[in-house]
N, C-alpha and C. Protein backbone atom coordinates (compact mmCIF):
# COMPACT_ATOMS: atom_id res chain seq x y z
N UNK A 1 -12.41 21.30 17.35
CA UNK A 1 -12.18 20.23 16.40
C UNK A 1 -11.14 20.67 15.37
N UNK A 2 -9.97 20.15 15.50
CA UNK A 2 -8.91 20.46 14.55
C UNK A 2 -9.00 19.52 13.36
N UNK A 3 -8.60 20.03 12.22
CA UNK A 3 -8.59 19.24 11.00
C UNK A 3 -7.15 18.93 10.61
N UNK A 4 -6.94 17.73 10.10
CA UNK A 4 -5.62 17.33 9.62
C UNK A 4 -5.72 17.20 8.11
N UNK A 5 -4.86 17.91 7.41
CA UNK A 5 -4.88 17.92 5.96
C UNK A 5 -4.16 16.67 5.44
N UNK A 6 -4.88 15.88 4.65
CA UNK A 6 -4.31 14.67 4.06
C UNK A 6 -3.79 14.99 2.66
N UNK A 7 -4.69 15.48 1.82
CA UNK A 7 -4.31 15.97 0.49
C UNK A 7 -4.90 17.36 0.34
N UNK A 8 -4.80 17.91 -0.86
CA UNK A 8 -5.32 19.26 -1.09
C UNK A 8 -6.80 19.40 -0.81
N UNK A 9 -7.58 18.33 -1.03
CA UNK A 9 -9.02 18.43 -0.87
C UNK A 9 -9.58 17.53 0.24
N UNK A 10 -8.76 16.71 0.83
CA UNK A 10 -9.25 15.75 1.84
C UNK A 10 -8.66 16.08 3.20
N UNK A 11 -9.56 16.23 4.18
CA UNK A 11 -9.17 16.49 5.57
C UNK A 11 -9.85 15.47 6.46
N UNK A 12 -9.23 15.19 7.61
CA UNK A 12 -9.86 14.32 8.60
C UNK A 12 -9.92 15.07 9.92
N UNK A 13 -10.92 14.75 10.71
CA UNK A 13 -11.07 15.35 12.04
C UNK A 13 -10.06 14.74 13.00
N UNK A 14 -9.49 15.58 13.83
CA UNK A 14 -8.57 15.12 14.87
C UNK A 14 -9.31 14.26 15.90
N UNK A 15 -10.62 14.45 16.00
CA UNK A 15 -11.41 13.69 16.98
C UNK A 15 -11.54 12.22 16.60
N UNK A 16 -11.24 11.87 15.34
CA UNK A 16 -11.32 10.48 14.90
C UNK A 16 -10.08 9.69 15.29
N UNK A 17 -9.08 10.39 15.81
CA UNK A 17 -7.84 9.75 16.24
C UNK A 17 -7.85 9.56 17.75
N UNK A 18 -7.38 8.42 18.19
CA UNK A 18 -7.20 8.22 19.63
C UNK A 18 -5.86 7.53 19.84
N UNK A 19 -5.16 7.97 20.86
CA UNK A 19 -3.83 7.44 21.15
C UNK A 19 -3.83 6.77 22.50
N UNK A 20 -3.12 5.66 22.58
CA UNK A 20 -2.88 5.03 23.86
C UNK A 20 -1.40 4.69 23.91
N UNK A 21 -0.85 4.73 25.10
CA UNK A 21 0.58 4.53 25.25
C UNK A 21 0.83 3.19 25.93
N UNK A 22 1.74 2.44 25.34
CA UNK A 22 2.03 1.09 25.83
C UNK A 22 3.54 0.95 25.99
N UNK A 23 3.94 -0.07 26.70
CA UNK A 23 5.37 -0.31 26.87
C UNK A 23 5.94 -0.90 25.59
N UNK A 24 7.07 -0.38 25.20
CA UNK A 24 7.68 -0.80 23.95
C UNK A 24 8.76 -1.85 24.19
N UNK A 25 8.91 -2.70 23.19
CA UNK A 25 10.07 -3.58 23.20
C UNK A 25 11.18 -2.84 22.48
N UNK A 26 12.40 -3.29 22.63
CA UNK A 26 13.48 -2.64 21.91
C UNK A 26 14.32 -1.73 22.77
N UNK A 27 14.91 -0.67 22.16
CA UNK A 27 15.88 0.16 22.88
C UNK A 27 15.29 0.87 24.08
N UNK A 28 16.10 1.09 25.08
CA UNK A 28 15.65 1.82 26.26
C UNK A 28 16.33 1.34 27.53
N UNK A 29 16.98 0.19 27.46
CA UNK A 29 17.68 -0.32 28.64
C UNK A 29 16.71 -0.66 29.76
N UNK A 30 17.08 -0.33 31.00
CA UNK A 30 16.21 -0.61 32.14
C UNK A 30 14.97 0.27 32.11
N UNK A 31 15.07 1.37 31.40
CA UNK A 31 13.96 2.32 31.32
C UNK A 31 12.75 1.71 30.60
N UNK A 32 13.01 0.71 29.74
CA UNK A 32 11.95 0.15 28.90
C UNK A 32 10.85 -0.52 29.74
N UNK A 33 11.20 -0.99 30.92
CA UNK A 33 10.21 -1.66 31.76
C UNK A 33 9.37 -0.70 32.60
N UNK A 34 9.75 0.57 32.61
CA UNK A 34 9.06 1.54 33.46
C UNK A 34 8.24 2.56 32.69
N UNK A 35 8.62 2.85 31.45
CA UNK A 35 8.01 3.95 30.72
C UNK A 35 7.22 3.43 29.53
N UNK A 36 6.02 3.94 29.36
CA UNK A 36 5.18 3.57 28.21
C UNK A 36 5.49 4.53 27.07
N UNK A 37 6.51 4.20 26.29
CA UNK A 37 6.93 5.11 25.24
C UNK A 37 6.36 4.77 23.87
N UNK A 38 5.84 3.56 23.68
CA UNK A 38 5.24 3.20 22.41
C UNK A 38 3.84 3.79 22.30
N UNK A 39 3.44 4.09 21.06
CA UNK A 39 2.14 4.71 20.82
C UNK A 39 1.31 3.79 19.95
N UNK A 40 0.06 3.61 20.35
CA UNK A 40 -0.89 2.88 19.53
C UNK A 40 -1.94 3.90 19.07
N UNK A 41 -1.89 4.23 17.78
CA UNK A 41 -2.78 5.23 17.21
C UNK A 41 -3.94 4.52 16.53
N UNK A 42 -5.16 4.93 16.88
CA UNK A 42 -6.36 4.35 16.27
C UNK A 42 -7.07 5.43 15.48
N UNK A 43 -7.42 5.08 14.24
CA UNK A 43 -8.15 5.99 13.35
C UNK A 43 -9.46 5.32 12.96
N UNK A 44 -10.58 5.98 13.28
CA UNK A 44 -11.90 5.44 12.98
C UNK A 44 -12.25 5.75 11.53
N UNK A 45 -11.94 4.81 10.64
CA UNK A 45 -12.12 5.04 9.20
C UNK A 45 -13.59 5.04 8.80
N UNK A 46 -14.43 4.32 9.53
CA UNK A 46 -15.86 4.27 9.17
C UNK A 46 -16.55 5.61 9.40
N UNK A 47 -16.16 6.31 10.46
CA UNK A 47 -16.80 7.60 10.76
C UNK A 47 -16.19 8.75 9.97
N UNK A 48 -15.05 8.52 9.38
CA UNK A 48 -14.38 9.58 8.62
C UNK A 48 -15.13 9.84 7.32
N UNK A 49 -15.18 11.09 6.94
CA UNK A 49 -15.87 11.48 5.71
C UNK A 49 -14.92 11.34 4.52
N UNK A 50 -14.62 10.08 4.18
CA UNK A 50 -13.71 9.80 3.07
C UNK A 50 -14.54 9.40 1.85
N UNK A 51 -14.06 9.71 0.65
CA UNK A 51 -14.76 9.24 -0.55
C UNK A 51 -14.81 7.71 -0.57
N UNK A 52 -15.87 7.18 -1.18
CA UNK A 52 -16.10 5.73 -1.16
C UNK A 52 -14.93 4.96 -1.75
N UNK A 53 -14.43 5.39 -2.90
CA UNK A 53 -13.33 4.65 -3.54
C UNK A 53 -12.05 4.73 -2.72
N UNK A 54 -11.82 5.86 -2.06
CA UNK A 54 -10.64 6.00 -1.21
C UNK A 54 -10.75 5.06 -0.01
N UNK A 55 -11.96 4.96 0.53
CA UNK A 55 -12.19 4.07 1.68
C UNK A 55 -11.93 2.62 1.29
N UNK A 56 -12.35 2.24 0.09
CA UNK A 56 -12.12 0.87 -0.38
C UNK A 56 -10.62 0.60 -0.54
N UNK A 57 -9.89 1.56 -1.10
CA UNK A 57 -8.45 1.38 -1.26
C UNK A 57 -7.75 1.35 0.10
N UNK A 58 -8.25 2.15 1.06
CA UNK A 58 -7.68 2.17 2.41
C UNK A 58 -7.83 0.80 3.07
N UNK A 59 -8.97 0.17 2.90
CA UNK A 59 -9.18 -1.16 3.49
C UNK A 59 -8.17 -2.16 2.95
N UNK A 60 -7.89 -2.08 1.65
CA UNK A 60 -6.94 -3.01 1.04
C UNK A 60 -5.52 -2.71 1.53
N UNK A 61 -5.15 -1.42 1.54
CA UNK A 61 -3.80 -1.04 1.94
C UNK A 61 -3.54 -1.30 3.43
N UNK A 62 -4.55 -1.10 4.26
CA UNK A 62 -4.37 -1.28 5.71
C UNK A 62 -4.14 -2.75 6.05
N UNK A 63 -4.80 -3.64 5.34
CA UNK A 63 -4.60 -5.08 5.56
C UNK A 63 -4.93 -5.49 6.98
N UNK A 64 -3.96 -6.09 7.67
CA UNK A 64 -4.20 -6.61 9.01
C UNK A 64 -4.26 -5.51 10.06
N UNK A 65 -3.92 -4.29 9.69
CA UNK A 65 -4.02 -3.17 10.65
C UNK A 65 -5.45 -2.67 10.79
N UNK A 66 -6.36 -3.16 9.95
CA UNK A 66 -7.76 -2.75 10.00
C UNK A 66 -8.54 -3.75 10.86
N UNK A 67 -9.30 -3.24 11.83
CA UNK A 67 -10.10 -4.11 12.69
C UNK A 67 -11.47 -4.34 12.07
N UNK A 68 -12.22 -5.24 12.66
CA UNK A 68 -13.59 -5.50 12.19
C UNK A 68 -14.49 -4.30 12.39
N UNK A 69 -14.15 -3.46 13.37
CA UNK A 69 -14.95 -2.27 13.65
C UNK A 69 -14.62 -1.11 12.71
N UNK A 70 -13.68 -1.32 11.80
CA UNK A 70 -13.32 -0.28 10.84
C UNK A 70 -12.29 0.70 11.35
N UNK A 71 -11.53 0.31 12.34
CA UNK A 71 -10.47 1.17 12.87
C UNK A 71 -9.12 0.72 12.32
N UNK A 72 -8.31 1.69 11.95
CA UNK A 72 -6.94 1.41 11.52
C UNK A 72 -6.05 1.62 12.74
N UNK A 73 -5.27 0.60 13.09
CA UNK A 73 -4.40 0.67 14.26
C UNK A 73 -2.96 0.70 13.79
N UNK A 74 -2.24 1.74 14.22
CA UNK A 74 -0.82 1.87 13.90
C UNK A 74 -0.05 1.94 15.20
N UNK A 75 0.91 1.05 15.36
CA UNK A 75 1.75 1.02 16.55
C UNK A 75 3.13 1.52 16.19
N UNK A 76 3.61 2.52 16.94
CA UNK A 76 4.93 3.09 16.70
C UNK A 76 5.77 2.93 17.96
N UNK A 77 6.90 2.25 17.81
CA UNK A 77 7.78 2.04 18.97
C UNK A 77 9.24 2.10 18.55
N UNK A 78 9.50 2.79 17.46
CA UNK A 78 10.85 2.85 16.92
C UNK A 78 11.78 3.70 17.79
N UNK A 79 11.25 4.75 18.38
CA UNK A 79 12.08 5.69 19.13
C UNK A 79 11.94 5.47 20.63
N UNK A 80 12.89 6.03 21.38
CA UNK A 80 12.89 5.85 22.83
C UNK A 80 11.96 6.80 23.55
N UNK A 81 11.61 7.93 22.90
CA UNK A 81 10.72 8.86 23.61
C UNK A 81 9.34 8.89 22.97
N UNK A 82 8.38 9.15 23.79
CA UNK A 82 6.97 9.09 23.43
C UNK A 82 6.60 10.09 22.33
N UNK A 83 7.10 11.30 22.40
CA UNK A 83 6.72 12.34 21.45
C UNK A 83 7.14 11.97 20.03
N UNK A 84 8.35 11.43 19.87
CA UNK A 84 8.80 11.04 18.53
C UNK A 84 7.99 9.87 18.00
N UNK A 85 7.57 8.97 18.87
CA UNK A 85 6.72 7.86 18.45
C UNK A 85 5.34 8.36 18.05
N UNK A 86 4.83 9.37 18.75
CA UNK A 86 3.53 9.97 18.37
C UNK A 86 3.61 10.56 16.97
N UNK A 87 4.68 11.32 16.72
CA UNK A 87 4.86 11.94 15.41
C UNK A 87 5.01 10.88 14.32
N UNK A 88 5.76 9.82 14.63
CA UNK A 88 5.97 8.74 13.67
C UNK A 88 4.64 8.05 13.33
N UNK A 89 3.82 7.78 14.34
CA UNK A 89 2.54 7.10 14.11
C UNK A 89 1.62 7.97 13.25
N UNK A 90 1.55 9.27 13.55
CA UNK A 90 0.70 10.17 12.76
C UNK A 90 1.20 10.27 11.31
N UNK A 91 2.51 10.35 11.15
CA UNK A 91 3.07 10.45 9.80
C UNK A 91 2.79 9.17 9.00
N UNK A 92 2.88 8.03 9.65
CA UNK A 92 2.59 6.76 8.97
C UNK A 92 1.13 6.65 8.59
N UNK A 93 0.24 7.17 9.45
CA UNK A 93 -1.19 7.18 9.13
C UNK A 93 -1.45 8.10 7.93
N UNK A 94 -0.85 9.28 7.95
CA UNK A 94 -1.05 10.21 6.83
C UNK A 94 -0.49 9.63 5.53
N UNK A 95 0.62 8.93 5.61
CA UNK A 95 1.19 8.30 4.42
C UNK A 95 0.23 7.24 3.88
N UNK A 96 -0.35 6.46 4.77
CA UNK A 96 -1.32 5.44 4.36
C UNK A 96 -2.53 6.08 3.70
N UNK A 97 -3.03 7.17 4.28
CA UNK A 97 -4.19 7.86 3.72
C UNK A 97 -3.86 8.49 2.37
N UNK A 98 -2.65 9.03 2.23
CA UNK A 98 -2.25 9.63 0.94
C UNK A 98 -2.15 8.56 -0.15
N UNK A 99 -1.63 7.39 0.21
CA UNK A 99 -1.55 6.31 -0.77
C UNK A 99 -2.94 5.84 -1.17
N UNK A 100 -3.88 5.84 -0.21
CA UNK A 100 -5.26 5.43 -0.51
C UNK A 100 -5.97 6.48 -1.36
N UNK A 101 -5.56 7.74 -1.22
CA UNK A 101 -6.20 8.82 -1.99
C UNK A 101 -5.76 8.81 -3.45
N UNK A 102 -4.60 8.20 -3.74
CA UNK A 102 -4.08 8.16 -5.10
C UNK A 102 -4.93 7.22 -5.95
N UNK A 103 -5.47 7.74 -7.05
CA UNK A 103 -6.30 6.94 -7.94
C UNK A 103 -5.40 6.36 -9.04
N UNK A 104 -5.23 5.03 -9.07
CA UNK A 104 -4.37 4.46 -10.10
C UNK A 104 -5.02 4.58 -11.48
N UNK A 105 -4.17 4.71 -12.50
CA UNK A 105 -4.68 4.79 -13.86
C UNK A 105 -5.22 3.43 -14.27
N UNK A 106 -6.30 3.46 -15.05
CA UNK A 106 -6.84 2.21 -15.56
C UNK A 106 -5.99 1.75 -16.72
N UNK A 107 -5.72 0.48 -16.77
CA UNK A 107 -4.92 -0.07 -17.84
C UNK A 107 -5.77 -0.20 -19.08
N UNK A 108 -5.26 0.34 -20.18
CA UNK A 108 -5.95 0.20 -21.46
C UNK A 108 -5.13 -0.75 -22.31
N UNK A 109 -5.67 -1.92 -22.60
CA UNK A 109 -4.89 -2.88 -23.38
C UNK A 109 -4.61 -2.36 -24.78
N UNK A 110 -3.39 -2.59 -25.23
CA UNK A 110 -3.02 -2.11 -26.57
C UNK A 110 -3.07 -3.27 -27.56
N UNK A 111 -3.26 -2.93 -28.82
CA UNK A 111 -3.28 -3.95 -29.87
C UNK A 111 -1.90 -4.04 -30.49
N UNK A 112 -1.50 -5.24 -30.91
CA UNK A 112 -0.23 -5.32 -31.63
C UNK A 112 -0.38 -4.69 -33.01
N UNK A 113 0.66 -4.02 -33.47
CA UNK A 113 0.59 -3.37 -34.78
C UNK A 113 0.64 -4.41 -35.89
N UNK A 114 0.24 -3.99 -37.09
CA UNK A 114 0.24 -4.90 -38.23
C UNK A 114 1.67 -5.36 -38.54
N UNK A 115 2.62 -4.45 -38.46
CA UNK A 115 4.02 -4.78 -38.74
C UNK A 115 4.54 -5.82 -37.75
N UNK A 116 4.17 -5.69 -36.47
CA UNK A 116 4.66 -6.65 -35.48
C UNK A 116 4.04 -8.03 -35.71
N UNK A 117 2.79 -8.07 -36.15
CA UNK A 117 2.17 -9.35 -36.48
C UNK A 117 2.90 -10.02 -37.64
N UNK A 118 3.21 -9.23 -38.68
CA UNK A 118 3.92 -9.76 -39.84
C UNK A 118 5.32 -10.27 -39.47
N UNK A 119 6.00 -9.52 -38.58
CA UNK A 119 7.32 -9.96 -38.12
C UNK A 119 7.22 -11.30 -37.39
N UNK A 120 6.19 -11.46 -36.58
CA UNK A 120 5.99 -12.70 -35.84
C UNK A 120 5.75 -13.87 -36.78
N UNK A 121 4.92 -13.63 -37.81
CA UNK A 121 4.63 -14.69 -38.78
C UNK A 121 5.90 -15.07 -39.54
N UNK A 122 6.67 -14.06 -39.94
CA UNK A 122 7.92 -14.30 -40.66
C UNK A 122 8.91 -15.10 -39.81
N UNK A 123 8.98 -14.77 -38.53
CA UNK A 123 9.87 -15.47 -37.61
C UNK A 123 9.46 -16.94 -37.49
N UNK A 124 8.15 -17.17 -37.42
CA UNK A 124 7.63 -18.54 -37.34
C UNK A 124 8.01 -19.34 -38.59
N UNK A 125 7.85 -18.70 -39.76
CA UNK A 125 8.17 -19.38 -41.02
C UNK A 125 9.65 -19.73 -41.08
N UNK A 126 10.51 -18.80 -40.67
CA UNK A 126 11.94 -19.04 -40.68
C UNK A 126 12.30 -20.20 -39.76
N UNK A 127 11.71 -20.22 -38.59
CA UNK A 127 11.98 -21.28 -37.61
C UNK A 127 11.49 -22.63 -38.15
N UNK A 128 10.36 -22.62 -38.80
CA UNK A 128 9.79 -23.83 -39.38
C UNK A 128 10.72 -24.40 -40.46
N UNK A 129 11.23 -23.51 -41.31
CA UNK A 129 12.15 -23.93 -42.36
C UNK A 129 13.41 -24.53 -41.76
N UNK A 130 13.93 -23.93 -40.73
CA UNK A 130 15.12 -24.43 -40.06
C UNK A 130 14.89 -25.84 -39.53
N UNK A 131 13.74 -26.08 -38.94
CA UNK A 131 13.43 -27.39 -38.39
C UNK A 131 13.25 -28.43 -39.50
N UNK A 132 12.70 -27.99 -40.63
CA UNK A 132 12.51 -28.91 -41.75
C UNK A 132 13.85 -29.40 -42.28
N UNK A 133 14.85 -28.52 -42.31
CA UNK A 133 16.16 -28.93 -42.82
C UNK A 133 16.85 -29.90 -41.88
N UNK A 134 16.50 -29.91 -40.62
CA UNK A 134 17.12 -30.82 -39.65
C UNK A 134 16.52 -32.22 -39.71
N UNK A 135 15.30 -32.36 -40.23
CA UNK A 135 14.62 -33.67 -40.18
C UNK A 135 15.25 -34.65 -41.14
N UNK A 136 15.16 -35.91 -40.81
CA UNK A 136 15.67 -36.98 -41.68
C UNK A 136 14.60 -37.29 -42.71
N UNK A 137 15.00 -37.30 -43.95
CA UNK A 137 14.03 -37.59 -45.02
C UNK A 137 14.15 -39.06 -45.41
N UNK A 138 13.00 -39.70 -45.53
CA UNK A 138 12.98 -41.09 -45.91
C UNK A 138 12.49 -41.17 -47.36
N UNK A 139 13.32 -41.75 -48.24
CA UNK A 139 12.96 -41.86 -49.65
C UNK A 139 12.54 -43.30 -49.94
N UNK A 140 11.51 -43.47 -50.76
CA UNK A 140 11.03 -44.82 -51.12
C UNK A 140 11.78 -45.40 -52.28
C-alpha cells in the first residue's frame, strides 16, 4: 500500500485510486480510433481518511465530478500518450485535494471609524445644501 502525499500532514492510499483507459477525442489522427490513450481516474473520497471539513470542501470543489457514491472522477485526454494522461489526471486530483485542504480565513466584519462616519454626514449636509440652492422658492 503506497501513500500519496497531498500536504505535509495529509496522505491518501494509492489503493483508493482506480484507473481505466478509454478512447480519447482530439489529437492522434488515425491512431485515435485504435488506442485507448485517455485516462479516467476514480478516487473514492468516502473511504479516504480525510478530515471532515476538508471532505466538505472537496465535495463543493469537485462539483459535477463527484458521483452519488462519493467518487471523484477525473478524465484526462489532453495528451496523445497514455502515460502523460495518467500523470496529468493524478496531478489534477492532487491539485483538487490541495485546494480542499486549504482552510479559508473567516471574514471578520469591520466597523466604520468615527471620522469616516463624520465625513459621510458632512458630505450629506453639503449635498443637501447644494440641492436647496437649486430649488425654486415660492414667495407669498
